[in-house]
Amino acid sequence: MASAMAKLYASEAAAEITREAMRVLGGAGYIADYQVERLHREALLYL
């Protein structure tokens, strides 16, 4: 249960945090030159 909780919460948090980071960067967050675009795509795998 503990590991399932960790995986559940951390992966959902990563997806949300990377999405919010894209919003902070605005249009730049959607550009591949900025790390956040890749981070958000990668975070989705953990779901």
ModelCIF file with pLDDT and N, C-alpha, C, O atoms, coordinates in Angstrom:
data_MODEL
#
_entry.id   MODEL 
#
_entity.id                         1 
_entity.type                       polymer 
_entity.pdbx_number_of_molecules   1 
#
_entity_poly.entity_id                      1 
_entity_poly.type                           'polypeptide(L)' 
_entity_poly.nstd_linkage                   no 
_entity_poly.nstd_monomer                   no 
_entity_poly.pdbx_seq_one_letter_code       MASAMAKLYASEAAAEITREAMRVLGGAGYIADYQVERLHREALLYL 
_entity_poly.pdbx_seq_one_letter_code_can   MASAMAKLYASEAAAEITREAMRVLGGAGYIADYQVERLHREALLYL 
_entity_poly.pdbx_strand_id                 A 
#
loop_
_entity_poly_seq.entity_id 
_entity_poly_seq.num 
_entity_poly_seq.mon_id 
_entity_poly_seq.hetero 
1 1  MET n 
1 2  ALA n 
1 3  SER n 
1 4  ALA n 
1 5  MET n 
1 6  ALA n 
1 7  LYS n 
1 8  LEU n 
1 9  TYR n 
1 10 ALA n 
1 11 SER n 
1 12 GLU n 
1 13 ALA n 
1 14 ALA n 
1 15 ALA n 
1 16 GLU n 
1 17 ILE n 
1 18 THR n 
1 19 ARG n 
1 20 GLU n 
1 21 ALA n 
1 22 MET n 
1 23 ARG n 
1 24 VAL n 
1 25 LEU n 
1 26 GLY n 
1 27 GLY n 
1 28 ALA n 
1 29 GLY n 
1 30 TYR n 
1 31 ILE n 
1 32 ALA n 
1 33 ASP n 
1 34 TYR n 
1 35 GLN n 
1 36 VAL n 
1 37 GLU n 
1 38 ARG n 
1 39 LEU n 
1 40 HIS n 
1 41 ARG n 
1 42 GLU n 
1 43 ALA n 
1 44 LEU n 
1 45 LEU n 
1 46 TYR n 
1 47 LEU n 
#
_struct_asym.id          A 
_struct_asym.entity_id   1 
#
loop_
_ma_qa_metric.id 
_ma_qa_metric.mode 
_ma_qa_metric.name 
_ma_qa_metric.software_group_id 
_ma_qa_metric.type 
1 global pLDDT . pLDDT 
2 local  pLDDT . pLDDT 
#
_ma_qa_metric_global.metric_id      1 
_ma_qa_metric_global.metric_value   95.47 
_ma_qa_metric_global.model_id       1 
_ma_qa_metric_global.ordinal_id     1 
#
loop_
_ma_qa_metric_local.label_asym_id 
_ma_qa_metric_local.label_comp_id 
_ma_qa_metric_local.label_seq_id 
_ma_qa_metric_local.metric_id 
_ma_qa_metric_local.metric_value 
_ma_qa_metric_local.model_id 
_ma_qa_metric_local.ordinal_id 
A MET 1  2 93.00 1 1  
A ALA 2  2 95.00 1 2  
A SER 3  2 96.00 1 3  
A ALA 4  2 96.00 1 4  
A MET 5  2 96.00 1 5  
A ALA 6  2 97.00 1 6  
A LYS 7  2 98.00 1 7  
A LEU 8  2 98.00 1 8  
A TYR 9  2 98.00 1 9  
A ALA 10 2 98.00 1 10 
A SER 11 2 98.00 1 11 
A GLU 12 2 98.00 1 12 
A ALA 13 2 98.00 1 13 
A ALA 14 2 98.00 1 14 
A ALA 15 2 98.00 1 15 
A GLU 16 2 98.00 1 16 
A ILE 17 2 98.00 1 17 
A THR 18 2 98.00 1 18 
A ARG 19 2 98.00 1 19 
A GLU 20 2 98.00 1 20 
A ALA 21 2 98.00 1 21 
A MET 22 2 97.00 1 22 
A ARG 23 2 96.00 1 23 
A VAL 24 2 97.00 1 24 
A LEU 25 2 96.00 1 25 
A GLY 26 2 95.00 1 26 
A GLY 27 2 94.00 1 27 
A ALA 28 2 93.00 1 28 
A GLY 29 2 94.00 1 29 
A TYR 30 2 93.00 1 30 
A ILE 31 2 92.00 1 31 
A ALA 32 2 86.00 1 32 
A ASP 33 2 82.00 1 33 
A TYR 34 2 85.00 1 34 
A GLN 35 2 92.00 1 35 
A VAL 36 2 95.00 1 36 
A GLU 37 2 95.00 1 37 
A ARG 38 2 95.00 1 38 
A LEU 39 2 96.00 1 39 
A HIS 40 2 97.00 1 40 
A ARG 41 2 96.00 1 41 
A GLU 42 2 96.00 1 42 
A ALA 43 2 97.00 1 43 
A LEU 44 2 97.00 1 44 
A LEU 45 2 95.00 1 45 
A TYR 46 2 97.00 1 46 
A LEU 47 2 96.00 1 47 
#
loop_
_atom_site.group_PDB 
_atom_site.id 
_atom_site.type_symbol 
_atom_site.label_atom_id 
_atom_site.label_alt_id 
_atom_site.label_comp_id 
_atom_site.label_asym_id 
_atom_site.label_entity_id 
_atom_site.label_seq_id 
_atom_site.pdbx_PDB_ins_code 
_atom_site.Cartn_x 
_atom_site.Cartn_y 
_atom_site.Cartn_z 
_atom_site.occupancy 
_atom_site.B_iso_or_equiv 
_atom_site.pdbx_formal_charge 
_atom_site.auth_seq_id 
_atom_site.auth_comp_id 
_atom_site.auth_asym_id 
_atom_site.auth_atom_id 
_atom_site.pdbx_PDB_model_num 
ATOM 1   N N  . MET A 1 1  ? 0.816  -1.200 0.000   1.00 93.00 ? 1  MET A N  1 
ATOM 2   C CA . MET A 1 1  ? 0.000  0.000  0.000   1.00 93.00 ? 1  MET A CA 1 
ATOM 3   C C  . MET A 1 1  ? 0.858  1.261  0.000   1.00 93.00 ? 1  MET A C  1 
ATOM 4   O O  . MET A 1 1  ? 0.552  2.223  -0.705  1.00 93.00 ? 1  MET A O  1 
ATOM 5   N N  . ALA A 1 2  ? 1.916  1.258  0.778   1.00 95.00 ? 2  ALA A N  1 
ATOM 6   C CA . ALA A 1 2  ? 2.764  2.450  0.867   1.00 95.00 ? 2  ALA A CA 1 
ATOM 7   C C  . ALA A 1 2  ? 3.384  2.791  -0.486  1.00 95.00 ? 2  ALA A C  1 
ATOM 8   O O  . ALA A 1 2  ? 3.408  3.955  -0.887  1.00 95.00 ? 2  ALA A O  1 
ATOM 9   N N  . SER A 1 3  ? 3.883  1.775  -1.184  1.00 96.00 ? 3  SER A N  1 
ATOM 10  C CA . SER A 1 3  ? 4.508  2.039  -2.488  1.00 96.00 ? 3  SER A CA 1 
ATOM 11  C C  . SER A 1 3  ? 3.465  2.431  -3.520  1.00 96.00 ? 3  SER A C  1 
ATOM 12  O O  . SER A 1 3  ? 3.736  3.259  -4.390  1.00 96.00 ? 3  SER A O  1 
ATOM 13  N N  . ALA A 1 4  ? 2.262  1.842  -3.436  1.00 96.00 ? 4  ALA A N  1 
ATOM 14  C CA . ALA A 1 4  ? 1.190  2.219  -4.358  1.00 96.00 ? 4  ALA A CA 1 
ATOM 15  C C  . ALA A 1 4  ? 0.769  3.669  -4.115  1.00 96.00 ? 4  ALA A C  1 
ATOM 16  O O  . ALA A 1 4  ? 0.523  4.411  -5.066  1.00 96.00 ? 4  ALA A O  1 
ATOM 17  N N  . MET A 1 5  ? 0.685  4.074  -2.851  1.00 96.00 ? 5  MET A N  1 
ATOM 18  C CA . MET A 1 5  ? 0.356  5.465  -2.522  1.00 96.00 ? 5  MET A CA 1 
ATOM 19  C C  . MET A 1 5  ? 1.419  6.410  -3.058  1.00 96.00 ? 5  MET A C  1 
ATOM 20  O O  . MET A 1 5  ? 1.101  7.458  -3.620  1.00 96.00 ? 5  MET A O  1 
ATOM 21  N N  . ALA A 1 6  ? 2.682  6.038  -2.882  1.00 97.00 ? 6  ALA A N  1 
ATOM 22  C CA . ALA A 1 6  ? 3.773  6.895  -3.343  1.00 97.00 ? 6  ALA A CA 1 
ATOM 23  C C  . ALA A 1 6  ? 3.734  7.051  -4.853  1.00 97.00 ? 6  ALA A C  1 
ATOM 24  O O  . ALA A 1 6  ? 3.847  8.162  -5.371  1.00 97.00 ? 6  ALA A O  1 
ATOM 25  N N  . LYS A 1 7  ? 3.572  5.939  -5.558  1.00 98.00 ? 7  LYS A N  1 
ATOM 26  C CA . LYS A 1 7  ? 3.535  5.996  -7.012  1.00 98.00 ? 7  LYS A CA 1 
ATOM 27  C C  . LYS A 1 7  ? 2.335  6.795  -7.487  1.00 98.00 ? 7  LYS A C  1 
ATOM 28  O O  . LYS A 1 7  ? 2.455  7.619  -8.393  1.00 98.00 ? 7  LYS A O  1 
ATOM 29  N N  . LEU A 1 8  ? 1.180  6.558  -6.883  1.00 98.00 ? 8  LEU A N  1 
ATOM 30  C CA . LEU A 1 8  ? -0.040 7.279  -7.250  1.00 98.00 ? 8  LEU A CA 1 
ATOM 31  C C  . LEU A 1 8  ? 0.126  8.776  -7.041  1.00 98.00 ? 8  LEU A C  1 
ATOM 32  O O  . LEU A 1 8  ? -0.102 9.567  -7.956  1.00 98.00 ? 8  LEU A O  1 
ATOM 33  N N  . TYR A 1 9  ? 0.519  9.158  -5.848  1.00 98.00 ? 9  TYR A N  1 
ATOM 34  C CA . TYR A 1 9  ? 0.569  10.588 -5.528  1.00 98.00 ? 9  TYR A CA 1 
ATOM 35  C C  . TYR A 1 9  ? 1.692  11.297 -6.286  1.00 98.00 ? 9  TYR A C  1 
ATOM 36  O O  . TYR A 1 9  ? 1.484  12.376 -6.841  1.00 98.00 ? 9  TYR A O  1 
ATOM 37  N N  . ALA A 1 10 ? 2.875  10.693 -6.308  1.00 98.00 ? 10 ALA A N  1 
ATOM 38  C CA . ALA A 1 10 ? 4.014  11.362 -6.942  1.00 98.00 ? 10 ALA A CA 1 
ATOM 39  C C  . ALA A 1 10 ? 3.802  11.525 -8.441  1.00 98.00 ? 10 ALA A C  1 
ATOM 40  O O  . ALA A 1 10 ? 4.156  12.561 -9.003  1.00 98.00 ? 10 ALA A O  1 
ATOM 41  N N  . SER A 1 11 ? 3.234  10.527 -9.094  1.00 98.00 ? 11 SER A N  1 
ATOM 42  C CA . SER A 1 11 ? 3.021  10.640 -10.535 1.00 98.00 ? 11 SER A CA 1 
ATOM 43  C C  . SER A 1 11 ? 1.962  11.681 -10.863 1.00 98.00 ? 11 SER A C  1 
ATOM 44  O O  . SER A 1 11 ? 2.117  12.450 -11.812 1.00 98.00 ? 11 SER A O  1 
ATOM 45  N N  . GLU A 1 12 ? 0.883  11.709 -10.082 1.00 98.00 ? 12 GLU A N  1 
ATOM 46  C CA . GLU A 1 12 ? -0.141 12.728 -10.307 1.00 98.00 ? 12 GLU A CA 1 
ATOM 47  C C  . GLU A 1 12 ? 0.418  14.117 -10.028 1.00 98.00 ? 12 GLU A C  1 
ATOM 48  O O  . GLU A 1 12 ? 0.110  15.070 -10.744 1.00 98.00 ? 12 GLU A O  1 
ATOM 49  N N  . ALA A 1 13 ? 1.240  14.230 -8.990  1.00 98.00 ? 13 ALA A N  1 
ATOM 50  C CA . ALA A 1 13 ? 1.855  15.516 -8.664  1.00 98.00 ? 13 ALA A CA 1 
ATOM 51  C C  . ALA A 1 13 ? 2.790  15.974 -9.777  1.00 98.00 ? 13 ALA A C  1 
ATOM 52  O O  . ALA A 1 13 ? 2.807  17.154 -10.128 1.00 98.00 ? 13 ALA A O  1 
ATOM 53  N N  . ALA A 1 14 ? 3.566  15.046 -10.335 1.00 98.00 ? 14 ALA A N  1 
ATOM 54  C CA . ALA A 1 14 ? 4.492  15.408 -11.412 1.00 98.00 ? 14 ALA A CA 1 
ATOM 55  C C  . ALA A 1 14 ? 3.735  15.894 -12.643 1.00 98.00 ? 14 ALA A C  1 
ATOM 56  O O  . ALA A 1 14 ? 4.131  16.873 -13.276 1.00 98.00 ? 14 ALA A O  1 
ATOM 57  N N  . ALA A 1 15 ? 2.643  15.206 -12.979 1.00 98.00 ? 15 ALA A N  1 
ATOM 58  C CA . ALA A 1 15 ? 1.850  15.637 -14.130 1.00 98.00 ? 15 ALA A CA 1 
ATOM 59  C C  . ALA A 1 15 ? 1.286  17.034 -13.908 1.00 98.00 ? 15 ALA A C  1 
ATOM 60  O O  . ALA A 1 15 ? 1.284  17.863 -14.819 1.00 98.00 ? 15 ALA A O  1 
ATOM 61  N N  . GLU A 1 16 ? 0.812  17.287 -12.699 1.00 98.00 ? 16 GLU A N  1 
ATOM 62  C CA . GLU A 1 16 ? 0.226  18.599 -12.394 1.00 98.00 ? 16 GLU A CA 1 
ATOM 63  C C  . GLU A 1 16 ? 1.296  19.686 -12.322 1.00 98.00 ? 16 GLU A C  1 
ATOM 64  O O  . GLU A 1 16 ? 1.103  20.783 -12.846 1.00 98.00 ? 16 GLU A O  1 
ATOM 65  N N  . ILE A 1 17 ? 2.410  19.389 -11.683 1.00 98.00 ? 17 ILE A N  1 
ATOM 66  C CA . ILE A 1 17 ? 3.465  20.392 -11.524 1.00 98.00 ? 17 ILE A CA 1 
ATOM 67  C C  . ILE A 1 17 ? 4.072  20.762 -12.872 1.00 98.00 ? 17 ILE A C  1 
ATOM 68  O O  . ILE A 1 17 ? 4.332  21.937 -13.131 1.00 98.00 ? 17 ILE A O  1 
ATOM 69  N N  . THR A 1 18 ? 4.301  19.774 -13.731 1.00 98.00 ? 18 THR A N  1 
ATOM 70  C CA . THR A 1 18 ? 4.860  20.100 -15.044 1.00 98.00 ? 18 THR A CA 1 
ATOM 71  C C  . THR A 1 18 ? 3.852  20.882 -15.892 1.00 98.00 ? 18 THR A C  1 
ATOM 72  O O  . THR A 1 18 ? 4.237  21.755 -16.669 1.00 98.00 ? 18 THR A O  1 
ATOM 73  N N  . ARG A 1 19 ? 2.575  20.569 -15.741 1.00 98.00 ? 19 ARG A N  1 
ATOM 74  C CA . ARG A 1 19 ? 1.555  21.332 -16.470 1.00 98.00 ? 19 ARG A CA 1 
ATOM 75  C C  . ARG A 1 19 ? 1.512  22.776 -15.981 1.00 98.00 ? 19 ARG A C  1 
ATOM 76  O O  . ARG A 1 19 ? 1.419  23.706 -16.782 1.00 98.00 ? 19 ARG A O  1 
ATOM 77  N N  . GLU A 1 20 ? 1.580  22.958 -14.679 1.00 98.00 ? 20 GLU A N  1 
ATOM 78  C CA . GLU A 1 20 ? 1.568  24.311 -14.121 1.00 98.00 ? 20 GLU A CA 1 
ATOM 79  C C  . GLU A 1 20 ? 2.830  25.072 -14.512 1.00 98.00 ? 20 GLU A C  1 
ATOM 80  O O  . GLU A 1 20 ? 2.793  26.283 -14.728 1.00 98.00 ? 20 GLU A O  1 
ATOM 81  N N  . ALA A 1 21 ? 3.947  24.351 -14.601 1.00 98.00 ? 21 ALA A N  1 
ATOM 82  C CA . ALA A 1 21 ? 5.187  25.006 -15.043 1.00 98.00 ? 21 ALA A CA 1 
ATOM 83  C C  . ALA A 1 21 ? 5.027  25.529 -16.468 1.00 98.00 ? 21 ALA A C  1 
ATOM 84  O O  . ALA A 1 21 ? 5.503  26.620 -16.786 1.00 98.00 ? 21 ALA A O  1 
ATOM 85  N N  . MET A 1 22 ? 4.361  24.759 -17.328 1.00 97.00 ? 22 MET A N  1 
ATOM 86  C CA . MET A 1 22 ? 4.098  25.237 -18.691 1.00 97.00 ? 22 MET A CA 1 
ATOM 87  C C  . MET A 1 22 ? 3.285  26.519 -18.662 1.00 97.00 ? 22 MET A C  1 
ATOM 88  O O  . MET A 1 22 ? 3.529  27.419 -19.465 1.00 97.00 ? 22 MET A O  1 
ATOM 89  N N  . ARG A 1 23 ? 2.333  26.619 -17.761 1.00 96.00 ? 23 ARG A N  1 
ATOM 90  C CA . ARG A 1 23 ? 1.507  27.819 -17.661 1.00 96.00 ? 23 ARG A CA 1 
ATOM 91  C C  . ARG A 1 23 ? 2.307  29.010 -17.154 1.00 96.00 ? 23 ARG A C  1 
ATOM 92  O O  . ARG A 1 23 ? 2.091  30.140 -17.593 1.00 96.00 ? 23 ARG A O  1 
ATOM 93  N N  . VAL A 1 24 ? 3.229  28.758 -16.230 1.00 97.00 ? 24 VAL A N  1 
ATOM 94  C CA . VAL A 1 24 ? 4.085  29.843 -15.748 1.00 97.00 ? 24 VAL A CA 1 
ATOM 95  C C  . VAL A 1 24 ? 4.925  30.387 -16.894 1.00 97.00 ? 24 VAL A C  1 
ATOM 96  O O  . VAL A 1 24 ? 5.110  31.599 -17.010 1.00 97.00 ? 24 VAL A O  1 
ATOM 97  N N  . LEU A 1 25 ? 5.433  29.498 -17.738 1.00 96.00 ? 25 LEU A N  1 
ATOM 98  C CA . LEU A 1 25 ? 6.262  29.930 -18.868 1.00 96.00 ? 25 LEU A CA 1 
ATOM 99  C C  . LEU A 1 25 ? 5.438  30.488 -20.026 1.00 96.00 ? 25 LEU A C  1 
ATOM 100 O O  . LEU A 1 25 ? 5.979  31.132 -20.925 1.00 96.00 ? 25 LEU A O  1 
ATOM 101 N N  . GLY A 1 26 ? 4.131  30.240 -20.003 1.00 95.00 ? 26 GLY A N  1 
ATOM 102 C CA . GLY A 1 26 ? 3.293  30.722 -21.092 1.00 95.00 ? 26 GLY A CA 1 
ATOM 103 C C  . GLY A 1 26 ? 3.647  30.026 -22.391 1.00 95.00 ? 26 GLY A C  1 
ATOM 104 O O  . GLY A 1 26 ? 3.857  28.813 -22.407 1.00 95.00 ? 26 GLY A O  1 
ATOM 105 N N  . GLY A 1 27 ? 3.716  30.779 -23.485 1.00 94.00 ? 27 GLY A N  1 
ATOM 106 C CA . GLY A 1 27 ? 4.020  30.192 -24.792 1.00 94.00 ? 27 GLY A CA 1 
ATOM 107 C C  . GLY A 1 27 ? 5.361  29.499 -24.816 1.00 94.00 ? 27 GLY A C  1 
ATOM 108 O O  . GLY A 1 27 ? 5.534  28.509 -25.527 1.00 94.00 ? 27 GLY A O  1 
ATOM 109 N N  . ALA A 1 28 ? 6.325  30.007 -24.041 1.00 93.00 ? 28 ALA A N  1 
ATOM 110 C CA . ALA A 1 28 ? 7.656  29.396 -24.019 1.00 93.00 ? 28 ALA A CA 1 
ATOM 111 C C  . ALA A 1 28 ? 7.604  27.974 -23.471 1.00 93.00 ? 28 ALA A C  1 
ATOM 112 O O  . ALA A 1 28 ? 8.441  27.140 -23.817 1.00 93.00 ? 28 ALA A O  1 
ATOM 113 N N  . GLY A 1 29 ? 6.622  27.698 -22.618 1.00 94.00 ? 29 GLY A N  1 
ATOM 114 C CA . GLY A 1 29 ? 6.520  26.367 -22.031 1.00 94.00 ? 29 GLY A CA 1 
ATOM 115 C C  . GLY A 1 29 ? 6.125  25.299 -23.019 1.00 94.00 ? 29 GLY A C  1 
ATOM 116 O O  . GLY A 1 29 ? 6.261  24.107 -22.741 1.00 94.00 ? 29 GLY A O  1 
ATOM 117 N N  . TYR A 1 30 ? 5.630  25.722 -24.189 1.00 93.00 ? 30 TYR A N  1 
ATOM 118 C CA . TYR A 1 30 ? 5.201  24.776 -25.218 1.00 93.00 ? 30 TYR A CA 1 
ATOM 119 C C  . TYR A 1 30 ? 6.276  24.571 -26.285 1.00 93.00 ? 30 TYR A C  1 
ATOM 120 O O  . TYR A 1 30 ? 6.096  23.800 -27.227 1.00 93.00 ? 30 TYR A O  1 
ATOM 121 N N  . ILE A 1 31 ? 7.382  25.269 -26.119 1.00 92.00 ? 31 ILE A N  1 
ATOM 122 C CA . ILE A 1 31 ? 8.472  25.225 -27.090 1.00 92.00 ? 31 ILE A CA 1 
ATOM 123 C C  . ILE A 1 31 ? 9.515  24.208 -26.645 1.00 92.00 ? 31 ILE A C  1 
ATOM 124 O O  . ILE A 1 31 ? 9.895  24.171 -25.475 1.00 92.00 ? 31 ILE A O  1 
ATOM 125 N N  . ALA A 1 32 ? 9.975  23.386 -27.577 1.00 86.00 ? 32 ALA A N  1 
ATOM 126 C CA . ALA A 1 32 ? 10.909 22.314 -27.240 1.00 86.00 ? 32 ALA A CA 1 
ATOM 127 C C  . ALA A 1 32 ? 12.235 22.838 -26.699 1.00 86.00 ? 32 ALA A C  1 
ATOM 128 O O  . ALA A 1 32 ? 12.937 22.112 -25.994 1.00 86.00 ? 32 ALA A O  1 
ATOM 129 N N  . ASP A 1 33 ? 12.595 24.081 -27.013 1.00 82.00 ? 33 ASP A N  1 
ATOM 130 C CA . ASP A 1 33 ? 13.850 24.639 -26.509 1.00 82.00 ? 33 ASP A CA 1 
ATOM 131 C C  . ASP A 1 33 ? 13.858 24.753 -24.993 1.00 82.00 ? 33 ASP A C  1 
ATOM 132 O O  . ASP A 1 33 ? 14.918 24.796 -24.368 1.00 82.00 ? 33 ASP A O  1 
ATOM 133 N N  . TYR A 1 34 ? 12.670 24.801 -24.410 1.00 85.00 ? 34 TYR A N  1 
ATOM 134 C CA . TYR A 1 34 ? 12.569 24.906 -22.959 1.00 85.00 ? 34 TYR A CA 1 
ATOM 135 C C  . TYR A 1 34 ? 12.324 23.510 -22.383 1.00 85.00 ? 34 TYR A C  1 
ATOM 136 O O  . TYR A 1 34 ? 11.556 22.724 -22.938 1.00 85.00 ? 34 TYR A O  1 
ATOM 137 N N  . GLN A 1 35 ? 12.970 23.221 -21.293 1.00 92.00 ? 35 GLN A N  1 
ATOM 138 C CA . GLN A 1 35 ? 12.952 21.889 -20.698 1.00 92.00 ? 35 GLN A CA 1 
ATOM 139 C C  . GLN A 1 35 ? 11.556 21.442 -20.290 1.00 92.00 ? 35 GLN A C  1 
ATOM 140 O O  . GLN A 1 35 ? 11.269 20.245 -20.275 1.00 92.00 ? 35 GLN A O  1 
ATOM 141 N N  . VAL A 1 36 ? 10.698 22.375 -19.963 1.00 95.00 ? 36 VAL A N  1 
ATOM 142 C CA . VAL A 1 36 ? 9.384  22.027 -19.414 1.00 95.00 ? 36 VAL A CA 1 
ATOM 143 C C  . VAL A 1 36 ? 8.548  21.221 -20.404 1.00 95.00 ? 36 VAL A C  1 
ATOM 144 O O  . VAL A 1 36 ? 7.804  20.330 -19.993 1.00 95.00 ? 36 VAL A O  1 
ATOM 145 N N  . GLU A 1 37 ? 8.653  21.512 -21.683 1.00 95.00 ? 37 GLU A N  1 
ATOM 146 C CA . GLU A 1 37 ? 7.879  20.772 -22.684 1.00 95.00 ? 37 GLU A CA 1 
ATOM 147 C C  . GLU A 1 37 ? 8.202  19.281 -22.612 1.00 95.00 ? 37 GLU A C  1 
ATOM 148 O O  . GLU A 1 37 ? 7.300  18.443 -22.640 1.00 95.00 ? 37 GLU A O  1 
ATOM 149 N N  . ARG A 1 38 ? 9.476  18.957 -22.519 1.00 95.00 ? 38 ARG A N  1 
ATOM 150 C CA . ARG A 1 38 ? 9.871  17.548 -22.400 1.00 95.00 ? 38 ARG A CA 1 
ATOM 151 C C  . ARG A 1 38 ? 9.453  16.970 -21.060 1.00 95.00 ? 38 ARG A C  1 
ATOM 152 O O  . ARG A 1 38 ? 8.970  15.839 -20.999 1.00 95.00 ? 38 ARG A O  1 
ATOM 153 N N  . LEU A 1 39 ? 9.629  17.719 -19.998 1.00 96.00 ? 39 LEU A N  1 
ATOM 154 C CA . LEU A 1 39 ? 9.285  17.224 -18.670 1.00 96.00 ? 39 LEU A CA 1 
ATOM 155 C C  . LEU A 1 39 ? 7.815  16.846 -18.570 1.00 96.00 ? 39 LEU A C  1 
ATOM 156 O O  . LEU A 1 39 ? 7.465  15.844 -17.947 1.00 96.00 ? 39 LEU A O  1 
ATOM 157 N N  . HIS A 1 40 ? 6.950  17.659 -19.192 1.00 97.00 ? 40 HIS A N  1 
ATOM 158 C CA . HIS A 1 40 ? 5.526  17.356 -19.114 1.00 97.00 ? 40 HIS A CA 1 
ATOM 159 C C  . HIS A 1 40 ? 5.202  16.075 -19.875 1.00 97.00 ? 40 HIS A C  1 
ATOM 160 O O  . HIS A 1 40 ? 4.404  15.264 -19.406 1.00 97.00 ? 40 HIS A O  1 
ATOM 161 N N  . ARG A 1 41 ? 5.812  15.886 -21.040 1.00 96.00 ? 41 ARG A N  1 
ATOM 162 C CA . ARG A 1 41 ? 5.571  14.662 -21.794 1.00 96.00 ? 41 ARG A CA 1 
ATOM 163 C C  . ARG A 1 41 ? 6.043  13.438 -21.017 1.00 96.00 ? 41 ARG A C  1 
ATOM 164 O O  . ARG A 1 41 ? 5.381  12.400 -21.005 1.00 96.00 ? 41 ARG A O  1 
ATOM 165 N N  . GLU A 1 42 ? 7.180  13.574 -20.379 1.00 96.00 ? 42 GLU A N  1 
ATOM 166 C CA . GLU A 1 42 ? 7.721  12.444 -19.628 1.00 96.00 ? 42 GLU A CA 1 
ATOM 167 C C  . GLU A 1 42 ? 6.907  12.159 -18.374 1.00 96.00 ? 42 GLU A C  1 
ATOM 168 O O  . GLU A 1 42 ? 6.740  11.000 -17.993 1.00 96.00 ? 42 GLU A O  1 
ATOM 169 N N  . ALA A 1 43 ? 6.401  13.201 -17.733 1.00 97.00 ? 43 ALA A N  1 
ATOM 170 C CA . ALA A 1 43 ? 5.613  13.003 -16.512 1.00 97.00 ? 43 ALA A CA 1 
ATOM 171 C C  . ALA A 1 43 ? 4.379  12.158 -16.775 1.00 97.00 ? 43 ALA A C  1 
ATOM 172 O O  . ALA A 1 43 ? 3.932  11.420 -15.896 1.00 97.00 ? 43 ALA A O  1 
ATOM 173 N N  . LEU A 1 44 ? 3.831  12.257 -17.966 1.00 97.00 ? 44 LEU A N  1 
ATOM 174 C CA . LEU A 1 44 ? 2.601  11.523 -18.274 1.00 97.00 ? 44 LEU A CA 1 
ATOM 175 C C  . LEU A 1 44 ? 2.817  10.013 -18.255 1.00 97.00 ? 44 LEU A C  1 
ATOM 176 O O  . LEU A 1 44 ? 1.889  9.261  -17.957 1.00 97.00 ? 44 LEU A O  1 
ATOM 177 N N  . LEU A 1 45 ? 4.027  9.561  -18.569 1.00 95.00 ? 45 LEU A N  1 
ATOM 178 C CA . LEU A 1 45 ? 4.286  8.126  -18.533 1.00 95.00 ? 45 LEU A CA 1 
ATOM 179 C C  . LEU A 1 45 ? 4.082  7.565  -17.137 1.00 95.00 ? 45 LEU A C  1 
ATOM 180 O O  . LEU A 1 45 ? 3.592  6.447  -16.977 1.00 95.00 ? 45 LEU A O  1 
ATOM 181 N N  . TYR A 1 46 ? 4.457  8.337  -16.130 1.00 97.00 ? 46 TYR A N  1 
ATOM 182 C CA . TYR A 1 46 ? 4.376  7.834  -14.763 1.00 97.00 ? 46 TYR A CA 1 
ATOM 183 C C  . TYR A 1 46 ? 2.937  7.589  -14.315 1.00 97.00 ? 46 TYR A C  1 
ATOM 184 O O  . TYR A 1 46 ? 2.709  6.887  -13.330 1.00 97.00 ? 46 TYR A O  1 
ATOM 185 N N  . LEU A 1 47 ? 1.972  8.154  -15.021 1.00 96.00 ? 47 LEU A N  1 
ATOM 186 C CA . LEU A 1 47 ? 0.566  7.901  -14.689 1.00 96.00 ? 47 LEU A CA 1 
ATOM 187 C C  . LEU A 1 47 ? 0.157  6.480  -15.044 1.00 96.00 ? 47 LEU A C  1 
ATOM 188 O O  . LEU A 1 47 ? -0.993 6.098  -14.831 1.00 96.00 ? 47 LEU A O  1 
#
